[in-house]
Amino acid sequence: MSVYLKFFLSVIFIILFSTSCKHKPNFSGLATVSYSQHIQPIINSNCTQSGCHGLQNQEEFGLLTYSDLIKHTEVVSGSPEQSELYHVIRSYNSEKIMPRAPYKPLSEKQIQLIYVWIGQGALNN
């Protein structure tokens, strides 16, 4: 079984486990999710489009740096369920979900990576 498949299955298990009970999930056994390698590309390609959270016509705030993301999306290190970032990308409310229409929502894989990254401490790595 490939490392990627093991990682993906582990993430699925943690998400299912964390949503089915009230115990805090354990992220220690998973491969490290990197801000610069995994999370920043997701944010850059989905959140910083013109008119959203990029350089031009920023809607409320920019998300161009790690500091911007942590500050403006209220990331609670180690607690995805308490982080606004996780709530706005996971929302089923069309008025709250990010990115907003006409842009497509994040894929399940992207949401899972962000969930694990926050759970692992939301490090600037």
C-alpha atoms as a PDB file:
ATOM      1  CA  MET A   1       0.000   0.000   0.000  1.00  0.00           C
ATOM      2  CA  SER A   2       1.469   3.356  -0.976  1.00  0.00           C
ATOM      3  CA  VAL A   3       2.360   5.980   1.614  1.00  0.00           C
ATOM      4  CA  TYR A   4      -0.138   8.382   0.030  1.00  0.00           C
ATOM      5  CA  LEU A   5      -2.962   5.824   0.237  1.00  0.00           C
ATOM      6  CA  LYS A   6      -2.115   5.063   3.881  1.00  0.00           C
ATOM      7  CA  PHE A   7      -2.092   8.796   4.643  1.00  0.00           C
ATOM      8  CA  PHE A   8      -5.421   9.337   2.862  1.00  0.00           C
ATOM      9  CA  LEU A   9      -7.083   6.395   4.637  1.00  0.00           C
ATOM     10  CA  SER A  10      -5.743   7.634   7.974  1.00  0.00           C
ATOM     11  CA  VAL A  11      -7.188  11.081   7.328  1.00  0.00           C
ATOM     12  CA  ILE A  12     -10.572   9.583   6.415  1.00  0.00           C
ATOM     13  CA  PHE A  13     -10.536   7.510   9.602  1.00  0.00           C
ATOM     14  CA  ILE A  14      -9.694  10.529  11.780  1.00  0.00           C
ATOM     15  CA  ILE A  15     -12.389  12.656  10.208  1.00  0.00           C
ATOM     16  CA  LEU A  16     -15.015   9.942  10.562  1.00  0.00           C
ATOM     17  CA  PHE A  17     -13.894   9.222  14.108  1.00  0.00           C
ATOM     18  CA  SER A  18     -13.805  12.880  15.105  1.00  0.00           C
ATOM     19  CA  THR A  19     -17.278  13.590  13.781  1.00  0.00           C
ATOM     20  CA  SER A  20     -18.833  10.472  15.308  1.00  0.00           C
ATOM     21  CA  CYS A  21     -17.714  10.977  18.889  1.00  0.00           C
ATOM     22  CA  LYS A  22     -16.613  13.739  21.209  1.00  0.00           C
ATOM     23  CA  HIS A  23     -13.046  12.519  21.801  1.00  0.00           C
ATOM     24  CA  LYS A  24     -10.241  14.673  20.479  1.00  0.00           C
ATOM     25  CA  PRO A  25      -8.653  13.034  17.420  1.00  0.00           C
ATOM     26  CA  ASN A  26      -5.021  11.951  17.556  1.00  0.00           C
ATOM     27  CA  PHE A  27      -2.970  13.416  14.701  1.00  0.00           C
ATOM     28  CA  SER A  28       0.410  12.087  15.844  1.00  0.00           C
ATOM     29  CA  GLY A  29       0.417   8.979  13.622  1.00  0.00           C
ATOM     30  CA  LEU A  30      -0.129  10.845  10.361  1.00  0.00           C
ATOM     31  CA  ALA A  31       2.398  12.174   7.887  1.00  0.00           C
ATOM     32  CA  THR A  32       3.120  15.844   8.560  1.00  0.00           C
ATOM     33  CA  VAL A  33       1.046  18.270   6.532  1.00  0.00           C
ATOM     34  CA  SER A  34       3.163  21.233   5.519  1.00  0.00           C
ATOM     35  CA  TYR A  35       1.870  24.795   5.220  1.00  0.00           C
ATOM     36  CA  SER A  36       4.220  25.700   2.363  1.00  0.00           C
ATOM     37  CA  GLN A  37       3.882  22.403   0.506  1.00  0.00           C
ATOM     38  CA  HIS A  38       0.190  21.537   1.034  1.00  0.00           C
ATOM     39  CA  ILE A  39      -1.864  24.376   2.530  1.00  0.00           C
ATOM     40  CA  GLN A  40      -0.480  27.511   0.873  1.00  0.00           C
ATOM     41  CA  PRO A  41      -1.081  26.125  -2.655  1.00  0.00           C
ATOM     42  CA  ILE A  42      -4.704  25.377  -1.719  1.00  0.00           C
ATOM     43  CA  ILE A  43      -5.210  28.895  -0.343  1.00  0.00           C
ATOM     44  CA  ASN A  44      -3.415  30.530  -3.276  1.00  0.00           C
ATOM     45  CA  SER A  45      -5.397  28.675  -5.925  1.00  0.00           C
ATOM     46  CA  ASN A  46      -8.806  28.919  -4.247  1.00  0.00           C
ATOM     47  CA  CYS A  47      -8.907  31.976  -1.973  1.00  0.00           C
ATOM     48  CA  THR A  48      -6.718  34.662  -3.485  1.00  0.00           C
ATOM     49  CA  GLN A  49      -8.492  35.142  -6.804  1.00  0.00           C
ATOM     50  CA  SER A  50      -9.056  38.709  -7.947  1.00  0.00           C
ATOM     51  CA  GLY A  51     -11.803  40.247  -5.866  1.00  0.00           C
ATOM     52  CA  CYS A  52     -11.420  37.754  -3.036  1.00  0.00           C
ATOM     53  CA  HIS A  53      -8.510  37.552  -0.593  1.00  0.00           C
ATOM     54  CA  GLY A  54      -5.632  38.369  -2.971  1.00  0.00           C
ATOM     55  CA  LEU A  55      -3.652  41.481  -3.821  1.00  0.00           C
ATOM     56  CA  GLN A  56      -6.322  43.359  -5.750  1.00  0.00           C
ATOM     57  CA  ASN A  57      -9.778  44.267  -4.463  1.00  0.00           C
ATOM     58  CA  GLN A  58      -9.385  42.362  -1.222  1.00  0.00           C
ATOM     59  CA  GLU A  59     -12.708  41.372   0.264  1.00  0.00           C
ATOM     60  CA  GLU A  60     -12.269  42.363   3.916  1.00  0.00           C
ATOM     61  CA  PHE A  61      -8.709  40.958   4.212  1.00  0.00           C
ATOM     62  CA  GLY A  62      -5.948  39.216   2.300  1.00  0.00           C
ATOM     63  CA  LEU A  63      -4.766  35.646   2.720  1.00  0.00           C
ATOM     64  CA  LEU A  64      -1.396  35.961   1.036  1.00  0.00           C
ATOM     65  CA  THR A  65       0.796  34.898   3.942  1.00  0.00           C
ATOM     66  CA  TYR A  66       0.803  32.424   6.795  1.00  0.00           C
ATOM     67  CA  SER A  67       0.290  35.325   9.241  1.00  0.00           C
ATOM     68  CA  ASP A  68      -2.738  36.547   7.268  1.00  0.00           C
ATOM     69  CA  LEU A  69      -4.305  33.092   7.310  1.00  0.00           C
ATOM     70  CA  ILE A  70      -3.781  32.535  11.035  1.00  0.00           C
ATOM     71  CA  LYS A  71      -4.940  36.033  11.988  1.00  0.00           C
ATOM     72  CA  HIS A  72      -7.951  36.476   9.718  1.00  0.00           C
ATOM     73  CA  THR A  73      -9.407  32.967   9.767  1.00  0.00           C
ATOM     74  CA  GLU A  74      -9.011  32.451  13.498  1.00  0.00           C
ATOM     75  CA  VAL A  75      -7.097  29.193  13.288  1.00  0.00           C
ATOM     76  CA  VAL A  76      -6.965  27.486  16.679  1.00  0.00           C
ATOM     77  CA  SER A  77      -3.778  25.440  16.658  1.00  0.00           C
ATOM     78  CA  GLY A  78      -4.568  21.787  17.359  1.00  0.00           C
ATOM     79  CA  SER A  79      -8.358  22.265  17.166  1.00  0.00           C
ATOM     80  CA  PRO A  80      -9.863  22.196  13.676  1.00  0.00           C
ATOM     81  CA  GLU A  81     -13.396  22.109  15.085  1.00  0.00           C
ATOM     82  CA  GLN A  82     -12.770  25.440  16.860  1.00  0.00           C
ATOM     83  CA  SER A  83     -11.137  27.095  13.840  1.00  0.00           C
ATOM     84  CA  GLU A  84     -13.109  29.453  11.655  1.00  0.00           C
ATOM     85  CA  LEU A  85     -11.045  28.381   8.639  1.00  0.00           C
ATOM     86  CA  TYR A  86     -12.317  24.816   8.936  1.00  0.00           C
ATOM     87  CA  HIS A  87     -15.904  25.958   9.463  1.00  0.00           C
ATOM     88  CA  VAL A  88     -16.024  28.200   6.382  1.00  0.00           C
ATOM     89  CA  ILE A  89     -14.556  25.576   4.052  1.00  0.00           C
ATOM     90  CA  ARG A  90     -16.697  22.762   5.497  1.00  0.00           C
ATOM     91  CA  SER A  91     -19.958  24.736   5.727  1.00  0.00           C
ATOM     92  CA  TYR A  92     -23.089  23.432   4.044  1.00  0.00           C
ATOM     93  CA  ASN A  93     -24.617  26.917   4.178  1.00  0.00           C
ATOM     94  CA  SER A  94     -24.253  28.483   0.721  1.00  0.00           C
ATOM     95  CA  GLU A  95     -23.981  31.956   2.267  1.00  0.00           C
ATOM     96  CA  LYS A  96     -21.113  31.002   4.593  1.00  0.00           C
ATOM     97  CA  ILE A  97     -19.064  28.541   2.554  1.00  0.00           C
ATOM     98  CA  MET A  98     -15.745  29.671   1.126  1.00  0.00           C
ATOM     99  CA  PRO A  99     -14.858  30.125  -1.578  1.00  0.00           C
ATOM    100  CA  ARG A 100     -18.168  31.636  -2.608  1.00  0.00           C
ATOM    101  CA  ALA A 101     -19.915  31.100  -5.913  1.00  0.00           C
ATOM    102  CA  PRO A 102     -19.098  31.292  -8.758  1.00  0.00           C
ATOM    103  CA  TYR A 103     -15.942  29.583  -7.470  1.00  0.00           C
ATOM    104  CA  LYS A 104     -16.071  25.881  -6.687  1.00  0.00           C
ATOM    105  CA  PRO A 105     -15.840  24.699  -3.069  1.00  0.00           C
ATOM    106  CA  LEU A 106     -12.663  22.971  -1.964  1.00  0.00           C
ATOM    107  CA  SER A 107     -12.373  19.272  -2.704  1.00  0.00           C
ATOM    108  CA  GLU A 108     -12.766  16.756   0.093  1.00  0.00           C
ATOM    109  CA  LYS A 109      -9.031  16.036  -0.094  1.00  0.00           C
ATOM    110  CA  GLN A 110      -8.204  19.744   0.309  1.00  0.00           C
ATOM    111  CA  ILE A 111     -10.563  20.066   3.286  1.00  0.00           C
ATOM    112  CA  GLN A 112      -9.012  16.979   4.894  1.00  0.00           C
ATOM    113  CA  LEU A 113      -5.484  18.328   4.447  1.00  0.00           C
ATOM    114  CA  ILE A 114      -6.469  21.613   6.118  1.00  0.00           C
ATOM    115  CA  TYR A 115      -8.195  19.701   8.928  1.00  0.00           C
ATOM    116  CA  VAL A 116      -5.094  17.601   9.605  1.00  0.00           C
ATOM    117  CA  TRP A 117      -2.747  20.608   9.285  1.00  0.00           C
ATOM    118  CA  ILE A 118      -4.755  22.508  11.931  1.00  0.00           C
ATOM    119  CA  GLY A 119      -4.917  19.375  14.097  1.00  0.00           C
ATOM    120  CA  GLN A 120      -1.149  18.988  13.859  1.00  0.00           C
ATOM    121  CA  GLY A 121      -0.691  22.497  15.208  1.00  0.00           C
ATOM    122  CA  ALA A 122      -1.121  24.708  12.105  1.00  0.00           C
ATOM    123  CA  LEU A 123       2.617  25.145  11.847  1.00  0.00           C
ATOM    124  CA  ASN A 124       4.385  27.487   9.427  1.00  0.00           C
ATOM    125  CA  ASN A 125       6.419  24.649   7.944  1.00  0.00           C
END
